[in-house]
């Protein structure tokens, strides 16, 4: 039995707008996008197409080409 072809298992690259910048990344969910974009363990707030997405909903929030993602990291100071 042959191993599965890895290219068949990866999602196609999506054309997204991340914080106003066009990006092409191969992800399926908002959680995956955060990991690819370097926000994997960082505490951030997220919105998809102008709607807030809670951290516990990111793994089930699927993305599509044209989606707009906003990622905001909290600031410290006073």
PDB file of N, CA and C in Angstrom:
ATOM      1  N   UNK A   1       0.843  -1.184   0.000  1.00  0.00           N
ATOM      2  CA  UNK A   1       0.000   0.000   0.000  1.00  0.00           C
ATOM      3  C   UNK A   1       0.883   1.241   0.000  1.00  0.00           C
ATOM      4  N   UNK A   2       0.611   2.189  -0.891  1.00  0.00           N
ATOM      5  CA  UNK A   2       1.394   3.409  -0.998  1.00  0.00           C
ATOM      6  C   UNK A   2       0.984   4.410   0.074  1.00  0.00           C
ATOM      7  N   UNK A   3       1.958   5.211   0.596  1.00  0.00           N
ATOM      8  CA  UNK A   3       1.580   6.271   1.533  1.00  0.00           C
ATOM      9  C   UNK A   3       0.787   7.349   0.794  1.00  0.00           C
ATOM     10  N   UNK A   4      -0.062   8.036   1.524  1.00  0.00           N
ATOM     11  CA  UNK A   4      -0.877   9.101   0.933  1.00  0.00           C
ATOM     12  C   UNK A   4       0.016  10.215   0.413  1.00  0.00           C
ATOM     13  N   UNK A   5      -0.339  10.758  -0.704  1.00  0.00           N
ATOM     14  CA  UNK A   5       0.398  11.877  -1.287  1.00  0.00           C
ATOM     15  C   UNK A   5       0.144  13.116  -0.434  1.00  0.00           C
ATOM     16  N   UNK A   6       1.218  13.705   0.101  1.00  0.00           N
ATOM     17  CA  UNK A   6       1.086  14.853   0.991  1.00  0.00           C
ATOM     18  C   UNK A   6       0.382  16.021   0.334  1.00  0.00           C
ATOM     19  N   UNK A   7       0.566  16.219  -0.947  1.00  0.00           N
ATOM     20  CA  UNK A   7      -0.073  17.351  -1.607  1.00  0.00           C
ATOM     21  C   UNK A   7      -1.585  17.190  -1.646  1.00  0.00           C
ATOM     22  N   UNK A   8      -2.075  15.994  -1.575  1.00  0.00           N
ATOM     23  CA  UNK A   8      -3.508  15.758  -1.561  1.00  0.00           C
ATOM     24  C   UNK A   8      -4.107  16.072  -0.195  1.00  0.00           C
ATOM     25  N   UNK A   9      -3.280  16.066   0.841  1.00  0.00           N
ATOM     26  CA  UNK A   9      -3.778  16.263   2.198  1.00  0.00           C
ATOM     27  C   UNK A   9      -3.757  17.735   2.616  1.00  0.00           C
ATOM     28  N   UNK A  10      -2.950  18.568   1.959  1.00  0.00           N
ATOM     29  CA  UNK A  10      -2.845  19.974   2.308  1.00  0.00           C
ATOM     30  C   UNK A  10      -3.924  20.772   1.609  1.00  0.00           C
ATOM     31  N   UNK A  11      -4.484  21.792   2.297  1.00  0.00           N
ATOM     32  CA  UNK A  11      -5.464  22.641   1.618  1.00  0.00           C
ATOM     33  C   UNK A  11      -4.771  23.504   0.561  1.00  0.00           C
ATOM     34  N   UNK A  12      -5.524  23.920  -0.428  1.00  0.00           N
ATOM     35  CA  UNK A  12      -4.988  24.827  -1.438  1.00  0.00           C
ATOM     36  C   UNK A  12      -4.738  26.189  -0.806  1.00  0.00           C
ATOM     37  N   UNK A  13      -3.813  26.931  -1.359  1.00  0.00           N
ATOM     38  CA  UNK A  13      -3.525  28.266  -0.839  1.00  0.00           C
ATOM     39  C   UNK A  13      -4.745  29.164  -1.020  1.00  0.00           C
ATOM     40  N   UNK A  14      -5.042  29.906   0.024  1.00  0.00           N
ATOM     41  CA  UNK A  14      -6.147  30.857  -0.008  1.00  0.00           C
ATOM     42  C   UNK A  14      -5.582  32.261  -0.127  1.00  0.00           C
ATOM     43  N   UNK A  15      -6.260  33.109  -0.867  1.00  0.00           N
ATOM     44  CA  UNK A  15      -5.906  34.519  -0.964  1.00  0.00           C
ATOM     45  C   UNK A  15      -6.696  35.236   0.132  1.00  0.00           C
ATOM     46  N   UNK A  16      -5.995  35.705   1.152  1.00  0.00           N
ATOM     47  CA  UNK A  16      -6.613  36.352   2.313  1.00  0.00           C
ATOM     48  C   UNK A  16      -6.064  37.764   2.460  1.00  0.00           C
ATOM     49  N   UNK A  17      -6.769  38.582   3.225  1.00  0.00           N
ATOM     50  CA  UNK A  17      -6.265  39.893   3.606  1.00  0.00           C
ATOM     51  C   UNK A  17      -6.068  39.846   5.114  1.00  0.00           C
ATOM     52  N   UNK A  18      -4.810  39.972   5.558  1.00  0.00           N
ATOM     53  CA  UNK A  18      -4.471  39.889   6.973  1.00  0.00           C
ATOM     54  C   UNK A  18      -3.966  41.251   7.431  1.00  0.00           C
ATOM     55  N   UNK A  19      -4.717  41.874   8.326  1.00  0.00           N
ATOM     56  CA  UNK A  19      -4.379  43.222   8.808  1.00  0.00           C
ATOM     57  C   UNK A  19      -4.093  44.174   7.646  1.00  0.00           C
ATOM     58  N   UNK A  20      -4.929  44.091   6.627  1.00  0.00           N
ATOM     59  CA  UNK A  20      -4.830  44.991   5.488  1.00  0.00           C
ATOM     60  C   UNK A  20      -3.842  44.585   4.413  1.00  0.00           C
ATOM     61  N   UNK A  21      -3.112  43.489   4.618  1.00  0.00           N
ATOM     62  CA  UNK A  21      -2.104  43.038   3.662  1.00  0.00           C
ATOM     63  C   UNK A  21      -2.552  41.751   2.988  1.00  0.00           C
ATOM     64  N   UNK A  22      -2.476  41.705   1.677  1.00  0.00           N
ATOM     65  CA  UNK A  22      -2.846  40.486   0.947  1.00  0.00           C
ATOM     66  C   UNK A  22      -1.813  39.399   1.198  1.00  0.00           C
ATOM     67  N   UNK A  23      -2.311  38.205   1.521  1.00  0.00           N
ATOM     68  CA  UNK A  23      -1.434  37.053   1.788  1.00  0.00           C
ATOM     69  C   UNK A  23      -2.009  35.833   1.104  1.00  0.00           C
ATOM     70  N   UNK A  24      -1.143  34.939   0.676  1.00  0.00           N
ATOM     71  CA  UNK A  24      -1.551  33.669   0.093  1.00  0.00           C
ATOM     72  C   UNK A  24      -0.980  32.573   0.984  1.00  0.00           C
ATOM     73  N   UNK A  25      -1.844  31.865   1.707  1.00  0.00           N
ATOM     74  CA  UNK A  25      -1.383  30.814   2.621  1.00  0.00           C
ATOM     75  C   UNK A  25      -2.275  29.581   2.493  1.00  0.00           C
ATOM     76  N   UNK A  26      -1.662  28.423   2.687  1.00  0.00           N
ATOM     77  CA  UNK A  26      -2.380  27.151   2.577  1.00  0.00           C
ATOM     78  C   UNK A  26      -2.850  26.722   3.967  1.00  0.00           C
ATOM     79  N   UNK A  27      -4.049  27.145   4.315  1.00  0.00           N
ATOM     80  CA  UNK A  27      -4.654  26.795   5.596  1.00  0.00           C
ATOM     81  C   UNK A  27      -6.139  26.533   5.381  1.00  0.00           C
ATOM     82  N   UNK A  28      -6.748  25.911   6.378  1.00  0.00           N
ATOM     83  CA  UNK A  28      -8.179  25.665   6.308  1.00  0.00           C
ATOM     84  C   UNK A  28      -8.966  26.425   7.345  1.00  0.00           C
ATOM     85  N   UNK A  29      -8.330  26.683   8.506  1.00  0.00           N
ATOM     86  CA  UNK A  29      -9.047  27.332   9.597  1.00  0.00           C
ATOM     87  C   UNK A  29      -8.297  28.569  10.090  1.00  0.00           C
ATOM     88  N   UNK A  30      -8.983  29.363  10.870  1.00  0.00           N
ATOM     89  CA  UNK A  30      -8.373  30.545  11.460  1.00  0.00           C
ATOM     90  C   UNK A  30      -7.233  30.147  12.392  1.00  0.00           C
ATOM     91  N   UNK A  31      -7.391  29.085  13.154  1.00  0.00           N
ATOM     92  CA  UNK A  31      -6.328  28.613  14.056  1.00  0.00           C
ATOM     93  C   UNK A  31      -5.067  28.246  13.262  1.00  0.00           C
ATOM     94  N   UNK A  32      -5.235  27.552  12.151  1.00  0.00           N
ATOM     95  CA  UNK A  32      -4.092  27.196  11.313  1.00  0.00           C
ATOM     96  C   UNK A  32      -3.426  28.454  10.760  1.00  0.00           C
ATOM     97  N   UNK A  33      -4.219  29.423  10.356  1.00  0.00           N
ATOM     98  CA  UNK A  33      -3.665  30.670   9.819  1.00  0.00           C
ATOM     99  C   UNK A  33      -2.824  31.373  10.873  1.00  0.00           C
ATOM    100  N   UNK A  34      -3.303  31.422  12.114  1.00  0.00           N
ATOM    101  CA  UNK A  34      -2.530  32.060  13.181  1.00  0.00           C
ATOM    102  C   UNK A  34      -1.183  31.375  13.362  1.00  0.00           C
ATOM    103  N   UNK A  35      -1.167  30.056  13.288  1.00  0.00           N
ATOM    104  CA  UNK A  35       0.084  29.325  13.421  1.00  0.00           C
ATOM    105  C   UNK A  35       1.045  29.642  12.294  1.00  0.00           C
ATOM    106  N   UNK A  36       0.566  29.617  11.068  1.00  0.00           N
ATOM    107  CA  UNK A  36       1.399  29.900   9.902  1.00  0.00           C
ATOM    108  C   UNK A  36       1.925  31.338   9.940  1.00  0.00           C
ATOM    109  N   UNK A  37       1.121  32.250  10.452  1.00  0.00           N
ATOM    110  CA  UNK A  37       1.498  33.660  10.497  1.00  0.00           C
ATOM    111  C   UNK A  37       2.373  34.015  11.702  1.00  0.00           C
ATOM    112  N   UNK A  38       2.681  33.018  12.542  1.00  0.00           N
ATOM    113  CA  UNK A  38       3.580  33.248  13.670  1.00  0.00           C
ATOM    114  C   UNK A  38       2.915  33.667  14.964  1.00  0.00           C
ATOM    115  N   UNK A  39       1.591  33.493  15.059  1.00  0.00           N
ATOM    116  CA  UNK A  39       0.862  33.857  16.269  1.00  0.00           C
ATOM    117  C   UNK A  39       0.426  32.637  17.071  1.00  0.00           C
ATOM    118  N   UNK A  40       1.021  31.492  16.825  1.00  0.00           N
ATOM    119  CA  UNK A  40       0.589  30.242  17.430  1.00  0.00           C
ATOM    120  C   UNK A  40       0.280  30.296  18.912  1.00  0.00           C
ATOM    121  N   UNK A  41       1.218  30.752  19.745  1.00  0.00           N
ATOM    122  CA  UNK A  41       1.018  30.761  21.197  1.00  0.00           C
ATOM    123  C   UNK A  41       0.815  32.162  21.766  1.00  0.00           C
ATOM    124  N   UNK A  42       0.712  33.154  20.896  1.00  0.00           N
ATOM    125  CA  UNK A  42       0.558  34.535  21.343  1.00  0.00           C
ATOM    126  C   UNK A  42      -0.916  34.818  21.629  1.00  0.00           C
ATOM    127  N   UNK A  43      -1.180  35.510  22.724  1.00  0.00           N
ATOM    128  CA  UNK A  43      -2.565  35.887  23.044  1.00  0.00           C
ATOM    129  C   UNK A  43      -2.942  37.077  22.173  1.00  0.00           C
ATOM    130  N   UNK A  44      -3.928  36.868  21.313  1.00  0.00           N
ATOM    131  CA  UNK A  44      -4.390  37.908  20.402  1.00  0.00           C
ATOM    132  C   UNK A  44      -5.910  37.892  20.337  1.00  0.00           C
ATOM    133  N   UNK A  45      -6.463  38.986  19.844  1.00  0.00           N
ATOM    134  CA  UNK A  45      -7.887  39.045  19.512  1.00  0.00           C
ATOM    135  C   UNK A  45      -7.977  38.896  18.000  1.00  0.00           C
ATOM    136  N   UNK A  46      -9.023  38.230  17.540  1.00  0.00           N
ATOM    137  CA  UNK A  46      -9.174  38.021  16.103  1.00  0.00           C
ATOM    138  C   UNK A  46     -10.576  38.384  15.638  1.00  0.00           C
ATOM    139  N   UNK A  47     -10.635  38.844  14.398  1.00  0.00           N
ATOM    140  CA  UNK A  47     -11.916  39.095  13.740  1.00  0.00           C
ATOM    141  C   UNK A  47     -11.823  38.544  12.329  1.00  0.00           C
ATOM    142  N   UNK A  48     -12.916  38.011  11.852  1.00  0.00           N
ATOM    143  CA  UNK A  48     -13.001  37.484  10.497  1.00  0.00           C
ATOM    144  C   UNK A  48     -14.119  38.231   9.786  1.00  0.00           C
ATOM    145  N   UNK A  49     -13.759  38.952   8.745  1.00  0.00           N
ATOM    146  CA  UNK A  49     -14.728  39.750   7.990  1.00  0.00           C
ATOM    147  C   UNK A  49     -15.516  40.696   8.894  1.00  0.00           C
ATOM    148  N   UNK A  50     -14.808  41.286   9.869  1.00  0.00           N
ATOM    149  CA  UNK A  50     -15.410  42.280  10.753  1.00  0.00           C
ATOM    150  C   UNK A  50     -16.157  41.726  11.952  1.00  0.00           C
ATOM    151  N   UNK A  51     -16.155  40.408  12.119  1.00  0.00           N
ATOM    152  CA  UNK A  51     -16.869  39.776  13.235  1.00  0.00           C
ATOM    153  C   UNK A  51     -15.859  39.135  14.182  1.00  0.00           C
ATOM    154  N   UNK A  52     -15.924  39.500  15.474  1.00  0.00           N
ATOM    155  CA  UNK A  52     -15.023  38.946  16.481  1.00  0.00           C
ATOM    156  C   UNK A  52     -15.131  37.420  16.504  1.00  0.00           C
ATOM    157  N   UNK A  53     -13.967  36.747  16.620  1.00  0.00           N
ATOM    158  CA  UNK A  53     -13.933  35.287  16.746  1.00  0.00           C
ATOM    159  C   UNK A  53     -13.194  34.962  18.039  1.00  0.00           C
ATOM    160  N   UNK A  54     -13.889  34.342  18.983  1.00  0.00           N
ATOM    161  CA  UNK A  54     -13.298  33.964  20.269  1.00  0.00           C
ATOM    162  C   UNK A  54     -12.241  32.886  20.065  1.00  0.00           C
ATOM    163  N   UNK A  55     -11.257  32.860  20.948  1.00  0.00           N
ATOM    164  CA  UNK A  55     -10.147  31.901  20.847  1.00  0.00           C
ATOM    165  C   UNK A  55     -10.648  30.463  20.763  1.00  0.00           C
ATOM    166  N   UNK A  56     -11.682  30.126  21.517  1.00  0.00           N
ATOM    167  CA  UNK A  56     -12.166  28.745  21.525  1.00  0.00           C
ATOM    168  C   UNK A  56     -12.962  28.376  20.270  1.00  0.00           C
ATOM    169  N   UNK A  57     -13.154  29.326  19.343  1.00  0.00           N
ATOM    170  CA  UNK A  57     -13.880  29.054  18.094  1.00  0.00           C
ATOM    171  C   UNK A  57     -12.975  29.053  16.865  1.00  0.00           C
ATOM    172  N   UNK A  58     -11.708  29.389  17.057  1.00  0.00           N
ATOM    173  CA  UNK A  58     -10.800  29.536  15.913  1.00  0.00           C
ATOM    174  C   UNK A  58     -10.551  28.230  15.168  1.00  0.00           C
ATOM    175  N   UNK A  59     -10.430  27.130  15.886  1.00  0.00           N
ATOM    176  CA  UNK A  59     -10.136  25.837  15.254  1.00  0.00           C
ATOM    177  C   UNK A  59     -11.290  25.361  14.365  1.00  0.00           C
ATOM    178  N   UNK A  60     -12.491  25.813  14.640  1.00  0.00           N
ATOM    179  CA  UNK A  60     -13.653  25.399  13.847  1.00  0.00           C
ATOM    180  C   UNK A  60     -14.091  26.474  12.846  1.00  0.00           C
ATOM    181  N   UNK A  61     -13.384  27.590  12.819  1.00  0.00           N
ATOM    182  CA  UNK A  61     -13.737  28.687  11.920  1.00  0.00           C
ATOM    183  C   UNK A  61     -12.980  28.519  10.602  1.00  0.00           C
ATOM    184  N   UNK A  62     -13.695  28.057   9.582  1.00  0.00           N
ATOM    185  CA  UNK A  62     -13.080  27.792   8.293  1.00  0.00           C
ATOM    186  C   UNK A  62     -12.923  29.081   7.494  1.00  0.00           C
ATOM    187  N   UNK A  63     -11.870  29.112   6.704  1.00  0.00           N
ATOM    188  CA  UNK A  63     -11.560  30.284   5.892  1.00  0.00           C
ATOM    189  C   UNK A  63     -11.842  30.013   4.430  1.00  0.00           C
ATOM    190  N   UNK A  64     -12.057  31.092   3.678  1.00  0.00           N
ATOM    191  CA  UNK A  64     -12.268  31.009   2.236  1.00  0.00           C
ATOM    192  C   UNK A  64     -11.505  32.150   1.569  1.00  0.00           C
ATOM    193  N   UNK A  65     -11.154  31.952   0.322  1.00  0.00           N
ATOM    194  CA  UNK A  65     -10.473  33.006  -0.422  1.00  0.00           C
ATOM    195  C   UNK A  65     -11.284  34.298  -0.339  1.00  0.00           C
ATOM    196  N   UNK A  66     -10.558  35.393  -0.091  1.00  0.00           N
ATOM    197  CA  UNK A  66     -11.200  36.705   0.004  1.00  0.00           C
ATOM    198  C   UNK A  66     -11.514  37.130   1.424  1.00  0.00           C
ATOM    199  N   UNK A  67     -11.404  36.208   2.385  1.00  0.00           N
ATOM    200  CA  UNK A  67     -11.691  36.562   3.779  1.00  0.00           C
ATOM    201  C   UNK A  67     -10.707  37.614   4.272  1.00  0.00           C
ATOM    202  N   UNK A  68     -11.195  38.464   5.182  1.00  0.00           N
ATOM    203  CA  UNK A  68     -10.375  39.490   5.811  1.00  0.00           C
ATOM    204  C   UNK A  68     -10.199  39.128   7.281  1.00  0.00           C
ATOM    205  N   UNK A  69      -8.942  38.957   7.688  1.00  0.00           N
ATOM    206  CA  UNK A  69      -8.613  38.608   9.070  1.00  0.00           C
ATOM    207  C   UNK A  69      -7.941  39.802   9.726  1.00  0.00           C
ATOM    208  N   UNK A  70      -8.408  40.146  10.906  1.00  0.00           N
ATOM    209  CA  UNK A  70      -7.743  41.177  11.717  1.00  0.00           C
ATOM    210  C   UNK A  70      -7.200  40.487  12.958  1.00  0.00           C
ATOM    211  N   UNK A  71      -5.929  40.749  13.256  1.00  0.00           N
ATOM    212  CA  UNK A  71      -5.256  40.171  14.422  1.00  0.00           C
ATOM    213  C   UNK A  71      -4.707  41.328  15.246  1.00  0.00           C
ATOM    214  N   UNK A  72      -5.133  41.395  16.502  1.00  0.00           N
ATOM    215  CA  UNK A  72      -4.714  42.485  17.380  1.00  0.00           C
ATOM    216  C   UNK A  72      -4.099  41.899  18.644  1.00  0.00           C
ATOM    217  N   UNK A  73      -2.846  42.276  18.909  1.00  0.00           N
ATOM    218  CA  UNK A  73      -2.173  41.850  20.135  1.00  0.00           C
ATOM    219  C   UNK A  73      -2.397  42.927  21.199  1.00  0.00           C
ATOM    220  N   UNK A  74      -2.641  42.504  22.451  1.00  0.00           N
ATOM    221  CA  UNK A  74      -2.842  43.494  23.504  1.00  0.00           C
ATOM    222  C   UNK A  74      -1.558  44.289  23.770  1.00  0.00           C
ATOM    223  N   UNK A  75      -1.734  45.528  24.189  1.00  0.00           N
ATOM    224  CA  UNK A  75      -0.598  46.391  24.521  1.00  0.00           C
ATOM    225  C   UNK A  75      -0.437  46.474  26.013  1.00  0.00           C
ATOM    226  N   UNK A  76       0.801  46.694  26.434  1.00  0.00           N
ATOM    227  CA  UNK A  76       1.081  46.883  27.861  1.00  0.00           C
ATOM    228  C   UNK A  76       1.528  48.312  28.063  1.00  0.00           C
ATOM    229  N   UNK A  77       1.422  48.750  29.261  1.00  0.00           N
ATOM    230  CA  UNK A  77       1.862  50.109  29.568  1.00  0.00           C
ATOM    231  C   UNK A  77       0.752  50.916  30.191  1.00  0.00           C
ATOM    232  N   UNK A  78       1.007  52.159  30.389  1.00  0.00           N
ATOM    233  CA  UNK A  78      -0.047  52.953  31.000  1.00  0.00           C
ATOM    234  C   UNK A  78       0.256  54.408  31.006  1.00  0.00           C
TER     235      UNK A  78
END
